[in-house]
N, C-alpha and C. Protein backbone atom coordinates (compact mmCIF):
# COMPACT_ATOMS: atom_id res chain seq x y z
N MET A 1 -7.30 4.92 1.32
CA MET A 1 -5.87 4.81 1.37
C MET A 1 -5.31 5.00 -0.03
N GLY A 2 -4.36 5.88 -0.16
CA GLY A 2 -3.68 6.04 -1.43
C GLY A 2 -4.50 6.70 -2.52
N ILE A 3 -5.62 7.32 -2.13
CA ILE A 3 -6.41 8.08 -3.10
C ILE A 3 -6.81 9.41 -2.47
N ASP A 4 -7.06 10.40 -3.31
CA ASP A 4 -7.48 11.70 -2.80
C ASP A 4 -9.01 11.79 -2.78
N SER A 5 -9.53 12.97 -2.44
CA SER A 5 -10.99 13.13 -2.32
C SER A 5 -11.72 12.96 -3.65
N ALA A 6 -10.99 13.08 -4.76
CA ALA A 6 -11.59 12.86 -6.08
C ALA A 6 -11.38 11.42 -6.55
N LYS A 7 -10.91 10.57 -5.63
CA LYS A 7 -10.65 9.14 -5.90
C LYS A 7 -9.57 8.92 -6.96
N GLN A 8 -8.63 9.86 -7.02
CA GLN A 8 -7.47 9.73 -7.89
C GLN A 8 -6.32 9.17 -7.06
N GLU A 9 -5.57 8.23 -7.63
CA GLU A 9 -4.45 7.64 -6.91
C GLU A 9 -3.37 8.67 -6.65
N VAL A 10 -2.80 8.61 -5.45
CA VAL A 10 -1.63 9.41 -5.10
C VAL A 10 -0.51 8.43 -4.74
N LYS A 11 0.72 8.80 -5.03
CA LYS A 11 1.84 7.91 -4.74
C LYS A 11 2.02 7.77 -3.24
N ASN A 12 2.32 6.56 -2.82
CA ASN A 12 2.64 6.31 -1.42
C ASN A 12 4.15 6.20 -1.28
N ILE A 13 4.62 6.05 -0.06
CA ILE A 13 6.05 6.08 0.20
C ILE A 13 6.80 4.97 -0.52
N SER A 14 6.24 3.79 -0.61
CA SER A 14 6.96 2.70 -1.28
C SER A 14 7.10 2.96 -2.77
N GLU A 15 6.11 3.61 -3.37
CA GLU A 15 6.20 3.95 -4.80
C GLU A 15 7.21 5.07 -5.04
N ILE A 16 7.25 6.03 -4.14
CA ILE A 16 8.23 7.11 -4.26
C ILE A 16 9.64 6.54 -4.11
N LEU A 17 9.84 5.67 -3.14
CA LEU A 17 11.15 5.04 -2.97
C LEU A 17 11.54 4.23 -4.20
N ASP A 18 10.59 3.54 -4.78
CA ASP A 18 10.86 2.74 -5.98
C ASP A 18 11.31 3.63 -7.15
N ASP A 19 10.75 4.83 -7.23
CA ASP A 19 11.16 5.78 -8.27
C ASP A 19 12.65 6.10 -8.17
N TYR A 20 13.19 6.04 -6.94
CA TYR A 20 14.61 6.32 -6.71
C TYR A 20 15.43 5.04 -6.58
N HIS A 21 14.86 3.92 -7.01
CA HIS A 21 15.53 2.61 -7.04
C HIS A 21 15.86 2.06 -5.65
N TYR A 22 15.09 2.45 -4.65
CA TYR A 22 15.20 1.86 -3.32
C TYR A 22 14.22 0.69 -3.23
N HIS A 23 14.55 -0.27 -2.42
CA HIS A 23 13.64 -1.38 -2.13
C HIS A 23 12.97 -1.09 -0.80
N SER A 24 11.77 -1.59 -0.62
CA SER A 24 11.08 -1.38 0.64
C SER A 24 10.44 -2.67 1.12
N GLY A 25 10.37 -2.79 2.43
CA GLY A 25 9.73 -3.93 3.08
C GLY A 25 8.70 -3.40 4.06
N LEU A 26 7.95 -4.30 4.63
CA LEU A 26 6.88 -3.90 5.54
C LEU A 26 6.89 -4.81 6.75
N VAL A 27 6.94 -4.21 7.93
CA VAL A 27 6.86 -4.96 9.19
C VAL A 27 5.65 -4.42 9.94
N ALA A 28 4.78 -5.30 10.40
CA ALA A 28 3.58 -4.87 11.11
C ALA A 28 3.24 -5.87 12.20
N THR A 29 2.69 -5.36 13.30
CA THR A 29 2.21 -6.24 14.35
C THR A 29 0.74 -6.62 14.12
N SER A 30 0.12 -5.96 13.17
CA SER A 30 -1.26 -6.29 12.78
C SER A 30 -1.21 -7.04 11.46
N SER A 31 -2.34 -7.34 10.92
CA SER A 31 -2.41 -7.92 9.58
C SER A 31 -1.84 -6.92 8.58
N VAL A 32 -1.12 -7.39 7.57
CA VAL A 32 -0.57 -6.46 6.57
C VAL A 32 -1.66 -5.83 5.71
N THR A 33 -2.89 -6.35 5.81
CA THR A 33 -4.00 -5.74 5.09
C THR A 33 -4.77 -4.73 5.95
N HIS A 34 -4.34 -4.53 7.19
CA HIS A 34 -4.93 -3.52 8.07
C HIS A 34 -4.63 -2.14 7.49
N ALA A 35 -5.45 -1.17 7.79
CA ALA A 35 -5.32 0.16 7.18
C ALA A 35 -3.95 0.81 7.39
N SER A 36 -3.36 0.68 8.57
CA SER A 36 -2.08 1.36 8.81
C SER A 36 -0.97 0.83 7.91
N PRO A 37 -0.69 -0.48 7.89
CA PRO A 37 0.35 -0.94 6.98
C PRO A 37 -0.05 -0.82 5.50
N ALA A 38 -1.32 -0.99 5.21
CA ALA A 38 -1.77 -0.92 3.81
C ALA A 38 -1.61 0.47 3.22
N ALA A 39 -1.56 1.48 4.07
CA ALA A 39 -1.35 2.85 3.58
C ALA A 39 -0.02 3.00 2.86
N HIS A 40 0.90 2.07 3.08
CA HIS A 40 2.21 2.13 2.44
C HIS A 40 2.21 1.54 1.03
N TYR A 41 1.12 0.90 0.62
CA TYR A 41 1.12 0.27 -0.71
C TYR A 41 -0.22 0.28 -1.43
N ALA A 42 -1.32 0.44 -0.74
CA ALA A 42 -2.64 0.26 -1.36
C ALA A 42 -3.24 1.57 -1.88
N HIS A 43 -4.12 1.42 -2.85
CA HIS A 43 -4.91 2.52 -3.41
C HIS A 43 -6.35 2.02 -3.45
N ILE A 44 -7.11 2.34 -2.41
CA ILE A 44 -8.46 1.79 -2.31
C ILE A 44 -9.34 2.72 -1.49
N ASP A 45 -10.63 2.70 -1.75
CA ASP A 45 -11.54 3.64 -1.11
C ASP A 45 -12.12 3.16 0.22
N SER A 46 -11.82 1.95 0.64
CA SER A 46 -12.34 1.46 1.92
C SER A 46 -11.35 0.52 2.59
N ARG A 47 -11.11 0.76 3.85
CA ARG A 47 -10.20 -0.09 4.62
C ARG A 47 -10.76 -1.49 4.82
N TYR A 48 -12.03 -1.67 4.56
CA TYR A 48 -12.68 -2.97 4.78
C TYR A 48 -12.59 -3.91 3.58
N LYS A 49 -12.04 -3.47 2.49
CA LYS A 49 -11.88 -4.31 1.29
C LYS A 49 -10.55 -5.06 1.36
N GLU A 50 -10.42 -5.90 2.39
CA GLU A 50 -9.14 -6.54 2.67
C GLU A 50 -8.68 -7.49 1.58
N GLU A 51 -9.59 -8.14 0.89
CA GLU A 51 -9.17 -9.03 -0.20
C GLU A 51 -8.52 -8.24 -1.33
N ALA A 52 -9.12 -7.12 -1.68
CA ALA A 52 -8.55 -6.26 -2.73
C ALA A 52 -7.23 -5.65 -2.26
N ILE A 53 -7.15 -5.31 -0.98
CA ILE A 53 -5.91 -4.77 -0.41
C ILE A 53 -4.81 -5.82 -0.49
N ALA A 54 -5.13 -7.06 -0.17
CA ALA A 54 -4.14 -8.15 -0.24
C ALA A 54 -3.64 -8.33 -1.67
N THR A 55 -4.54 -8.24 -2.63
CA THR A 55 -4.14 -8.35 -4.03
C THR A 55 -3.18 -7.22 -4.39
N GLN A 56 -3.48 -6.02 -3.92
CA GLN A 56 -2.61 -4.89 -4.22
C GLN A 56 -1.23 -5.06 -3.59
N LEU A 57 -1.15 -5.72 -2.45
CA LEU A 57 0.16 -5.97 -1.84
C LEU A 57 1.02 -6.82 -2.77
N THR A 58 0.42 -7.84 -3.37
CA THR A 58 1.20 -8.71 -4.26
C THR A 58 1.63 -7.99 -5.53
N GLU A 59 0.93 -6.93 -5.88
CA GLU A 59 1.25 -6.16 -7.09
C GLU A 59 2.05 -4.90 -6.78
N SER A 60 2.36 -4.67 -5.51
CA SER A 60 3.02 -3.43 -5.10
C SER A 60 4.54 -3.51 -5.25
N THR A 61 5.19 -2.41 -4.90
CA THR A 61 6.65 -2.36 -4.93
C THR A 61 7.27 -2.90 -3.65
N ILE A 62 6.46 -3.30 -2.68
CA ILE A 62 6.96 -3.89 -1.43
C ILE A 62 7.63 -5.21 -1.76
N LYS A 63 8.87 -5.38 -1.33
CA LYS A 63 9.62 -6.60 -1.64
C LYS A 63 9.46 -7.67 -0.57
N ILE A 64 9.33 -7.26 0.69
CA ILE A 64 9.21 -8.21 1.81
C ILE A 64 8.09 -7.72 2.72
N ALA A 65 7.17 -8.62 3.07
CA ALA A 65 6.10 -8.25 4.00
C ALA A 65 5.98 -9.35 5.04
């Protein structure tokens, strides 16, 4: 999630919105560390690294989760 095949970070939608001074929130029916919602803020090589994904949420541009 959030990385390319060379493991380089690529901007996700929340980061792009932040560049334009928009705020973003996240609503999910699953855990916010699940791969689908995490794709909006995380940069990680495995969907199973949920602890690292959770840490990235706290450091992300997402304002409300």
